[in-house]
């Protein structure tokens, strides 16, 4: 299946160099979870991150469907 992966902030370093905009179409075997996608990109799963699938908060165990959009953000801070 094909999904779209969007990485933000310093997490973009896990994308291929030619994907400087932070977005990647990725083909992955089914069934697949968010963790499978991140492992395929060599993202360290212990790294703190906020995950959204189709704009809804998700965990690493979230099952994915064809066409899903997985967005991953580093921790956000502010004051």
PDB file of N, CA and C in Angstrom:
ATOM      1  N   UNK A   1       0.845  -1.178   0.000  1.00  0.00           N
ATOM      2  CA  UNK A   1       0.000   0.000   0.000  1.00  0.00           C
ATOM      3  C   UNK A   1       0.885   1.234   0.000  1.00  0.00           C
ATOM      4  N   UNK A   2       0.314   2.336  -0.446  1.00  0.00           N
ATOM      5  CA  UNK A   2       1.049   3.603  -0.465  1.00  0.00           C
ATOM      6  C   UNK A   2       0.424   4.542   0.557  1.00  0.00           C
ATOM      7  N   UNK A   3       1.286   5.138   1.376  1.00  0.00           N
ATOM      8  CA  UNK A   3       0.860   6.140   2.344  1.00  0.00           C
ATOM      9  C   UNK A   3       1.735   7.376   2.163  1.00  0.00           C
ATOM     10  N   UNK A   4       1.301   8.464   2.773  1.00  0.00           N
ATOM     11  CA  UNK A   4       2.097   9.689   2.761  1.00  0.00           C
ATOM     12  C   UNK A   4       2.649   9.907   4.160  1.00  0.00           C
ATOM     13  N   UNK A   5       3.939  10.203   4.235  1.00  0.00           N
ATOM     14  CA  UNK A   5       4.598  10.463   5.511  1.00  0.00           C
ATOM     15  C   UNK A   5       5.074  11.906   5.507  1.00  0.00           C
ATOM     16  N   UNK A   6       4.755  12.625   6.575  1.00  0.00           N
ATOM     17  CA  UNK A   6       5.203  14.013   6.742  1.00  0.00           C
ATOM     18  C   UNK A   6       5.979  14.103   8.049  1.00  0.00           C
ATOM     19  N   UNK A   7       7.248  14.447   7.944  1.00  0.00           N
ATOM     20  CA  UNK A   7       8.084  14.617   9.123  1.00  0.00           C
ATOM     21  C   UNK A   7       8.405  16.094   9.294  1.00  0.00           C
ATOM     22  N   UNK A   8       8.395  16.549  10.539  1.00  0.00           N
ATOM     23  CA  UNK A   8       8.590  17.965  10.835  1.00  0.00           C
ATOM     24  C   UNK A   8       9.797  18.168  11.739  1.00  0.00           C
ATOM     25  N   UNK A   9      10.315  19.412  11.711  1.00  0.00           N
ATOM     26  CA  UNK A   9      11.444  19.776  12.560  1.00  0.00           C
ATOM     27  C   UNK A   9      12.661  18.912  12.277  1.00  0.00           C
ATOM     28  N   UNK A  10      13.383  18.571  13.331  1.00  0.00           N
ATOM     29  CA  UNK A  10      14.615  17.793  13.164  1.00  0.00           C
ATOM     30  C   UNK A  10      14.357  16.365  12.686  1.00  0.00           C
ATOM     31  N   UNK A  11      13.107  15.906  12.717  1.00  0.00           N
ATOM     32  CA  UNK A  11      12.794  14.554  12.240  1.00  0.00           C
ATOM     33  C   UNK A  11      12.944  14.426  10.725  1.00  0.00           C
ATOM     34  N   UNK A  12      12.980  15.560  10.033  1.00  0.00           N
ATOM     35  CA  UNK A  12      13.158  15.518   8.575  1.00  0.00           C
ATOM     36  C   UNK A  12      14.488  14.891   8.168  1.00  0.00           C
ATOM     37  N   UNK A  13      15.425  14.827   9.085  1.00  0.00           N
ATOM     38  CA  UNK A  13      16.730  14.236   8.752  1.00  0.00           C
ATOM     39  C   UNK A  13      16.605  12.758   8.375  1.00  0.00           C
ATOM     40  N   UNK A  14      15.483  12.133   8.715  1.00  0.00           N
ATOM     41  CA  UNK A  14      15.273  10.726   8.380  1.00  0.00           C
ATOM     42  C   UNK A  14      14.750  10.522   6.962  1.00  0.00           C
ATOM     43  N   UNK A  15      14.416  11.597   6.272  1.00  0.00           N
ATOM     44  CA  UNK A  15      13.929  11.491   4.898  1.00  0.00           C
ATOM     45  C   UNK A  15      15.095  11.483   3.921  1.00  0.00           C
ATOM     46  N   UNK A  16      14.896  10.896   2.740  1.00  0.00           N
ATOM     47  CA  UNK A  16      15.943  10.993   1.713  1.00  0.00           C
ATOM     48  C   UNK A  16      16.247  12.456   1.405  1.00  0.00           C
ATOM     49  N   UNK A  17      17.480  12.750   1.041  1.00  0.00           N
ATOM     50  CA  UNK A  17      17.931  14.136   0.808  1.00  0.00           C
ATOM     51  C   UNK A  17      17.046  14.884  -0.176  1.00  0.00           C
ATOM     52  N   UNK A  18      16.553  14.199  -1.214  1.00  0.00           N
ATOM     53  CA  UNK A  18      15.752  14.884  -2.233  1.00  0.00           C
ATOM     54  C   UNK A  18      14.351  15.239  -1.737  1.00  0.00           C
ATOM     55  N   UNK A  19      13.990  14.815  -0.530  1.00  0.00           N
ATOM     56  CA  UNK A  19      12.671  15.117   0.031  1.00  0.00           C
ATOM     57  C   UNK A  19      12.781  16.233   1.068  1.00  0.00           C
ATOM     58  N   UNK A  20      13.407  17.327   0.703  1.00  0.00           N
ATOM     59  CA  UNK A  20      13.639  18.434   1.612  1.00  0.00           C
ATOM     60  C   UNK A  20      12.385  19.114   2.111  1.00  0.00           C
ATOM     61  N   UNK A  21      11.236  18.869   1.446  1.00  0.00           N
ATOM     62  CA  UNK A  21       9.993  19.505   1.880  1.00  0.00           C
ATOM     63  C   UNK A  21       9.336  18.763   3.035  1.00  0.00           C
ATOM     64  N   UNK A  22       9.893  17.631   3.457  1.00  0.00           N
ATOM     65  CA  UNK A  22       9.368  16.909   4.610  1.00  0.00           C
ATOM     66  C   UNK A  22       8.269  15.922   4.305  1.00  0.00           C
ATOM     67  N   UNK A  23       7.925  15.720   3.031  1.00  0.00           N
ATOM     68  CA  UNK A  23       6.839  14.819   2.647  1.00  0.00           C
ATOM     69  C   UNK A  23       7.366  13.718   1.738  1.00  0.00           C
ATOM     70  N   UNK A  24       6.877  12.501   1.978  1.00  0.00           N
ATOM     71  CA  UNK A  24       7.332  11.347   1.211  1.00  0.00           C
ATOM     72  C   UNK A  24       6.166  10.400   0.976  1.00  0.00           C
ATOM     73  N   UNK A  25       5.994   9.946  -0.261  1.00  0.00           N
ATOM     74  CA  UNK A  25       5.066   8.850  -0.569  1.00  0.00           C
ATOM     75  C   UNK A  25       5.854   7.571  -0.336  1.00  0.00           C
ATOM     76  N   UNK A  26       5.290   6.667   0.445  1.00  0.00           N
ATOM     77  CA  UNK A  26       6.019   5.470   0.839  1.00  0.00           C
ATOM     78  C   UNK A  26       5.175   4.237   0.574  1.00  0.00           C
ATOM     79  N   UNK A  27       5.778   3.242  -0.075  1.00  0.00           N
ATOM     80  CA  UNK A  27       5.099   1.966  -0.282  1.00  0.00           C
ATOM     81  C   UNK A  27       5.541   1.025   0.825  1.00  0.00           C
ATOM     82  N   UNK A  28       4.573   0.398   1.477  1.00  0.00           N
ATOM     83  CA  UNK A  28       4.870  -0.487   2.603  1.00  0.00           C
ATOM     84  C   UNK A  28       3.944  -1.696   2.534  1.00  0.00           C
ATOM     85  N   UNK A  29       4.428  -2.822   3.035  1.00  0.00           N
ATOM     86  CA  UNK A  29       3.646  -4.063   3.050  1.00  0.00           C
ATOM     87  C   UNK A  29       2.429  -3.915   3.968  1.00  0.00           C
ATOM     88  N   UNK A  30       1.358  -4.620   3.643  1.00  0.00           N
ATOM     89  CA  UNK A  30       0.188  -4.651   4.515  1.00  0.00           C
ATOM     90  C   UNK A  30       0.147  -5.992   5.236  1.00  0.00           C
ATOM     91  N   UNK A  31      -0.360  -6.059   6.441  1.00  0.00           N
ATOM     92  CA  UNK A  31      -0.787  -4.939   7.273  1.00  0.00           C
ATOM     93  C   UNK A  31       0.428  -4.174   7.804  1.00  0.00           C
ATOM     94  N   UNK A  32       0.208  -2.924   8.144  1.00  0.00           N
ATOM     95  CA  UNK A  32       1.299  -2.091   8.655  1.00  0.00           C
ATOM     96  C   UNK A  32       0.788  -1.174   9.754  1.00  0.00           C
ATOM     97  N   UNK A  33       1.670  -0.895  10.683  1.00  0.00           N
ATOM     98  CA  UNK A  33       1.399   0.048  11.757  1.00  0.00           C
ATOM     99  C   UNK A  33       2.325   1.247  11.592  1.00  0.00           C
ATOM    100  N   UNK A  34       2.029   2.308  12.340  1.00  0.00           N
ATOM    101  CA  UNK A  34       2.877   3.502  12.316  1.00  0.00           C
ATOM    102  C   UNK A  34       4.322   3.120  12.625  1.00  0.00           C
ATOM    103  N   UNK A  35       4.535   2.247  13.590  1.00  0.00           N
ATOM    104  CA  UNK A  35       5.897   1.833  13.956  1.00  0.00           C
ATOM    105  C   UNK A  35       6.640   1.238  12.764  1.00  0.00           C
ATOM    106  N   UNK A  36       5.943   0.478  11.921  1.00  0.00           N
ATOM    107  CA  UNK A  36       6.580  -0.119  10.742  1.00  0.00           C
ATOM    108  C   UNK A  36       7.084   0.954   9.783  1.00  0.00           C
ATOM    109  N   UNK A  37       6.288   1.997   9.609  1.00  0.00           N
ATOM    110  CA  UNK A  37       6.661   3.105   8.722  1.00  0.00           C
ATOM    111  C   UNK A  37       7.902   3.804   9.260  1.00  0.00           C
ATOM    112  N   UNK A  38       7.894   4.115  10.546  1.00  0.00           N
ATOM    113  CA  UNK A  38       9.026   4.826  11.139  1.00  0.00           C
ATOM    114  C   UNK A  38      10.288   3.969  11.129  1.00  0.00           C
ATOM    115  N   UNK A  39      10.142   2.674  11.361  1.00  0.00           N
ATOM    116  CA  UNK A  39      11.306   1.788  11.305  1.00  0.00           C
ATOM    117  C   UNK A  39      11.878   1.728   9.892  1.00  0.00           C
ATOM    118  N   UNK A  40      11.006   1.733   8.887  1.00  0.00           N
ATOM    119  CA  UNK A  40      11.476   1.712   7.499  1.00  0.00           C
ATOM    120  C   UNK A  40      12.308   2.957   7.185  1.00  0.00           C
ATOM    121  N   UNK A  41      11.993   4.079   7.845  1.00  0.00           N
ATOM    122  CA  UNK A  41      12.735   5.326   7.650  1.00  0.00           C
ATOM    123  C   UNK A  41      13.899   5.471   8.635  1.00  0.00           C
ATOM    124  N   UNK A  42      14.109   4.448   9.471  1.00  0.00           N
ATOM    125  CA  UNK A  42      15.180   4.450  10.479  1.00  0.00           C
ATOM    126  C   UNK A  42      14.992   5.505  11.559  1.00  0.00           C
ATOM    127  N   UNK A  43      13.741   5.875  11.824  1.00  0.00           N
ATOM    128  CA  UNK A  43      13.444   6.803  12.917  1.00  0.00           C
ATOM    129  C   UNK A  43      13.564   6.030  14.227  1.00  0.00           C
ATOM    130  N   UNK A  44      14.270   6.585  15.193  1.00  0.00           N
ATOM    131  CA  UNK A  44      14.411   5.964  16.504  1.00  0.00           C
ATOM    132  C   UNK A  44      13.074   6.030  17.226  1.00  0.00           C
ATOM    133  N   UNK A  45      12.477   4.867  17.510  1.00  0.00           N
ATOM    134  CA  UNK A  45      11.140   4.840  18.104  1.00  0.00           C
ATOM    135  C   UNK A  45      11.123   5.349  19.539  1.00  0.00           C
ATOM    136  N   UNK A  46      12.270   5.369  20.201  1.00  0.00           N
ATOM    137  CA  UNK A  46      12.334   5.878  21.571  1.00  0.00           C
ATOM    138  C   UNK A  46      12.349   7.406  21.606  1.00  0.00           C
ATOM    139  N   UNK A  47      12.554   8.021  20.455  1.00  0.00           N
ATOM    140  CA  UNK A  47      12.594   9.479  20.378  1.00  0.00           C
ATOM    141  C   UNK A  47      11.198  10.039  20.670  1.00  0.00           C
ATOM    142  N   UNK A  48      11.094  11.078  21.525  1.00  0.00           N
ATOM    143  CA  UNK A  48       9.771  11.659  21.786  1.00  0.00           C
ATOM    144  C   UNK A  48       9.187  12.247  20.506  1.00  0.00           C
ATOM    145  N   UNK A  49       7.904  11.984  20.271  1.00  0.00           N
ATOM    146  CA  UNK A  49       7.258  12.506  19.066  1.00  0.00           C
ATOM    147  C   UNK A  49       5.747  12.502  19.240  1.00  0.00           C
ATOM    148  N   UNK A  50       5.109  13.372  18.482  1.00  0.00           N
ATOM    149  CA  UNK A  50       3.653  13.430  18.408  1.00  0.00           C
ATOM    150  C   UNK A  50       3.269  12.884  17.043  1.00  0.00           C
ATOM    151  N   UNK A  51       2.362  11.904  17.026  1.00  0.00           N
ATOM    152  CA  UNK A  51       1.972  11.243  15.782  1.00  0.00           C
ATOM    153  C   UNK A  51       0.506  11.524  15.490  1.00  0.00           C
ATOM    154  N   UNK A  52       0.236  11.912  14.247  1.00  0.00           N
ATOM    155  CA  UNK A  52      -1.135  12.062  13.765  1.00  0.00           C
ATOM    156  C   UNK A  52      -1.302  11.179  12.537  1.00  0.00           C
ATOM    157  N   UNK A  53      -2.448  10.520  12.436  1.00  0.00           N
ATOM    158  CA  UNK A  53      -2.814   9.789  11.221  1.00  0.00           C
ATOM    159  C   UNK A  53      -4.102  10.413  10.721  1.00  0.00           C
ATOM    160  N   UNK A  54      -4.037  10.988   9.541  1.00  0.00           N
ATOM    161  CA  UNK A  54      -5.174  11.708   8.956  1.00  0.00           C
ATOM    162  C   UNK A  54      -5.685  12.800   9.894  1.00  0.00           C
ATOM    163  N   UNK A  55      -4.741  13.455  10.593  1.00  0.00           N
ATOM    164  CA  UNK A  55      -5.087  14.577  11.456  1.00  0.00           C
ATOM    165  C   UNK A  55      -5.581  14.204  12.839  1.00  0.00           C
ATOM    166  N   UNK A  56      -5.567  12.917  13.181  1.00  0.00           N
ATOM    167  CA  UNK A  56      -6.053  12.450  14.483  1.00  0.00           C
ATOM    168  C   UNK A  56      -4.888  11.819  15.247  1.00  0.00           C
ATOM    169  N   UNK A  57      -4.776  12.162  16.542  1.00  0.00           N
ATOM    170  CA  UNK A  57      -3.698  11.625  17.372  1.00  0.00           C
ATOM    171  C   UNK A  57      -3.671  10.102  17.277  1.00  0.00           C
ATOM    172  N   UNK A  58      -2.471   9.528  17.174  1.00  0.00           N
ATOM    173  CA  UNK A  58      -2.323   8.081  17.027  1.00  0.00           C
ATOM    174  C   UNK A  58      -1.104   7.598  17.800  1.00  0.00           C
ATOM    175  N   UNK A  59      -1.060   6.290  18.024  1.00  0.00           N
ATOM    176  CA  UNK A  59       0.078   5.657  18.683  1.00  0.00           C
ATOM    177  C   UNK A  59       0.898   4.889  17.646  1.00  0.00           C
ATOM    178  N   UNK A  60       2.027   4.372  18.078  1.00  0.00           N
ATOM    179  CA  UNK A  60       2.877   3.577  17.193  1.00  0.00           C
ATOM    180  C   UNK A  60       2.174   2.308  16.717  1.00  0.00           C
ATOM    181  N   UNK A  61       1.184   1.840  17.479  1.00  0.00           N
ATOM    182  CA  UNK A  61       0.474   0.602  17.148  1.00  0.00           C
ATOM    183  C   UNK A  61      -0.702   0.806  16.201  1.00  0.00           C
ATOM    184  N   UNK A  62      -0.975   2.031  15.802  1.00  0.00           N
ATOM    185  CA  UNK A  62      -2.108   2.328  14.920  1.00  0.00           C
ATOM    186  C   UNK A  62      -1.953   1.591  13.592  1.00  0.00           C
ATOM    187  N   UNK A  63      -2.987   0.813  13.220  1.00  0.00           N
ATOM    188  CA  UNK A  63      -3.007   0.118  11.927  1.00  0.00           C
ATOM    189  C   UNK A  63      -3.276   1.138  10.825  1.00  0.00           C
ATOM    190  N   UNK A  64      -2.556   1.021   9.730  1.00  0.00           N
ATOM    191  CA  UNK A  64      -2.686   1.971   8.628  1.00  0.00           C
ATOM    192  C   UNK A  64      -3.482   1.378   7.479  1.00  0.00           C
ATOM    193  N   UNK A  65      -4.089   2.269   6.700  1.00  0.00           N
ATOM    194  CA  UNK A  65      -4.846   1.903   5.508  1.00  0.00           C
ATOM    195  C   UNK A  65      -4.242   2.618   4.312  1.00  0.00           C
ATOM    196  N   UNK A  66      -4.454   2.085   3.104  1.00  0.00           N
ATOM    197  CA  UNK A  66      -3.938   2.759   1.911  1.00  0.00           C
ATOM    198  C   UNK A  66      -4.409   4.214   1.849  1.00  0.00           C
ATOM    199  N   UNK A  67      -3.488   5.105   1.508  1.00  0.00           N
ATOM    200  CA  UNK A  67      -3.813   6.518   1.374  1.00  0.00           C
ATOM    201  C   UNK A  67      -3.729   7.322   2.655  1.00  0.00           C
ATOM    202  N   UNK A  68      -3.466   6.663   3.787  1.00  0.00           N
ATOM    203  CA  UNK A  68      -3.345   7.393   5.051  1.00  0.00           C
ATOM    204  C   UNK A  68      -2.201   8.400   4.981  1.00  0.00           C
ATOM    205  N   UNK A  69      -2.345   9.466   5.773  1.00  0.00           N
ATOM    206  CA  UNK A  69      -1.296  10.476   5.911  1.00  0.00           C
ATOM    207  C   UNK A  69      -0.792  10.410   7.352  1.00  0.00           C
ATOM    208  N   UNK A  70       0.482  10.066   7.503  1.00  0.00           N
ATOM    209  CA  UNK A  70       1.111   9.972   8.816  1.00  0.00           C
ATOM    210  C   UNK A  70       1.984  11.208   9.000  1.00  0.00           C
ATOM    211  N   UNK A  71       1.652  12.019  10.005  1.00  0.00           N
ATOM    212  CA  UNK A  71       2.421  13.230  10.315  1.00  0.00           C
ATOM    213  C   UNK A  71       3.113  13.023  11.656  1.00  0.00           C
ATOM    214  N   UNK A  72       4.407  13.326  11.705  1.00  0.00           N
ATOM    215  CA  UNK A  72       5.180  13.110  12.925  1.00  0.00           C
ATOM    216  C   UNK A  72       5.899  14.405  13.292  1.00  0.00           C
ATOM    217  N   UNK A  73       5.655  14.858  14.523  1.00  0.00           N
ATOM    218  CA  UNK A  73       6.214  16.110  15.026  1.00  0.00           C
ATOM    219  C   UNK A  73       7.145  15.829  16.199  1.00  0.00           C
ATOM    220  N   UNK A  74       8.236  16.587  16.319  1.00  0.00           N
ATOM    221  CA  UNK A  74       9.052  16.501  17.527  1.00  0.00           C
ATOM    222  C   UNK A  74       8.300  17.187  18.667  1.00  0.00           C
ATOM    223  N   UNK A  75       8.763  17.022  19.904  1.00  0.00           N
ATOM    224  CA  UNK A  75       8.112  17.718  21.014  1.00  0.00           C
ATOM    225  C   UNK A  75       8.093  19.221  20.759  1.00  0.00           C
ATOM    226  N   UNK A  76       6.988  19.845  21.115  1.00  0.00           N
ATOM    227  CA  UNK A  76       6.840  21.285  20.934  1.00  0.00           C
ATOM    228  C   UNK A  76       6.951  21.965  22.282  1.00  0.00           C
ATOM    229  N   UNK A  77       7.578  23.100  22.301  1.00  0.00           N
ATOM    230  CA  UNK A  77       7.709  23.853  23.537  1.00  0.00           C
ATOM    231  C   UNK A  77       7.309  25.294  23.311  1.00  0.00           C
ATOM    232  N   UNK A  78       7.083  25.961  24.360  1.00  0.00           N
ATOM    233  CA  UNK A  78       6.725  27.363  24.227  1.00  0.00           C
ATOM    234  C   UNK A  78       6.479  27.961  25.595  1.00  0.00           C
ATOM    235  N   UNK A  79       6.076  29.159  25.568  1.00  0.00           N
ATOM    236  CA  UNK A  79       5.850  29.782  26.861  1.00  0.00           C
ATOM    237  C   UNK A  79       5.045  31.030  26.737  1.00  0.00           C
TER     238      UNK A  79
END
